[in-house]
């Protein structure tokens, strides 16, 4: 059984984001990375995390 989600660290969220990206789940990866960035105290590191996992809704291309 999982513990309290409030106990998860930025590193836990970032690991999960990488797993989601590797399994082609970009929106879940983005959400987890956003939480990792929110939990990160260093603004430069948070910016790097956000850059590595951009919002897929803003980057996807429409096709017919």
Protein backbone atom coordinates (compact mmCIF):
# COMPACT_ATOMS: atom_id res chain seq x y z
CA UNK A 1 0.00 0.00 0.00
CA UNK A 2 1.18 3.50 -0.76
CA UNK A 3 2.08 5.91 1.99
CA UNK A 4 0.86 9.46 2.32
CA UNK A 5 1.21 11.28 -1.03
CA UNK A 6 2.25 14.38 0.91
CA UNK A 7 5.45 12.54 1.81
CA UNK A 8 6.59 12.34 -1.83
CA UNK A 9 9.58 14.48 -2.73
CA UNK A 10 10.42 16.44 -5.85
CA UNK A 11 12.75 13.58 -6.82
CA UNK A 12 9.89 11.08 -6.47
CA UNK A 13 7.71 13.17 -8.76
CA UNK A 14 10.53 13.65 -11.25
CA UNK A 15 11.22 9.90 -11.37
CA UNK A 16 7.53 9.27 -12.01
CA UNK A 17 7.52 11.95 -14.72
CA UNK A 18 10.39 10.20 -16.47
CA UNK A 19 8.53 6.88 -16.29
CA UNK A 20 5.40 8.44 -17.78
CA UNK A 21 7.41 10.06 -20.57
CA UNK A 22 9.08 6.73 -21.33
CA UNK A 23 5.68 5.05 -21.64
CA UNK A 24 4.31 7.75 -23.97
CA UNK A 25 2.10 9.47 -21.40
CA UNK A 26 3.20 13.08 -21.94
CA UNK A 27 0.38 14.79 -20.05
CA UNK A 28 0.92 12.72 -16.90
CA UNK A 29 4.66 13.37 -17.25
CA UNK A 30 3.96 17.08 -17.50
CA UNK A 31 1.71 17.09 -14.40
CA UNK A 32 4.24 15.16 -12.33
CA UNK A 33 7.06 17.42 -13.49
CA UNK A 34 5.02 20.50 -12.57
CA UNK A 35 4.62 19.13 -9.06
CA UNK A 36 8.35 18.36 -8.91
CA UNK A 37 9.11 21.92 -9.99
CA UNK A 38 6.68 23.30 -7.40
CA UNK A 39 8.43 21.34 -4.66
CA UNK A 40 11.88 22.49 -5.79
CA UNK A 41 13.32 25.44 -3.89
CA UNK A 42 15.84 26.49 -6.55
CA UNK A 43 14.14 28.54 -9.31
CA UNK A 44 16.75 27.57 -11.92
CA UNK A 45 16.23 23.86 -11.23
CA UNK A 46 12.46 24.32 -11.37
CA UNK A 47 12.82 26.05 -14.74
CA UNK A 48 14.98 23.20 -16.03
CA UNK A 49 12.37 20.65 -14.95
CA UNK A 50 9.59 22.60 -16.67
CA UNK A 51 11.68 22.91 -19.83
CA UNK A 52 12.30 19.16 -19.91
CA UNK A 53 8.57 18.38 -19.66
CA UNK A 54 6.62 21.03 -21.61
CA UNK A 55 2.83 21.11 -21.63
CA UNK A 56 1.85 18.70 -24.41
CA UNK A 57 -1.30 20.70 -25.08
CA UNK A 58 0.87 23.61 -26.16
CA UNK A 59 3.33 21.59 -28.23
CA UNK A 60 1.18 19.07 -30.06
CA UNK A 61 0.41 19.50 -33.73
CA UNK A 62 -3.07 19.03 -35.10
CA UNK A 63 -3.47 16.59 -37.94
CA UNK A 64 -6.41 15.81 -40.17
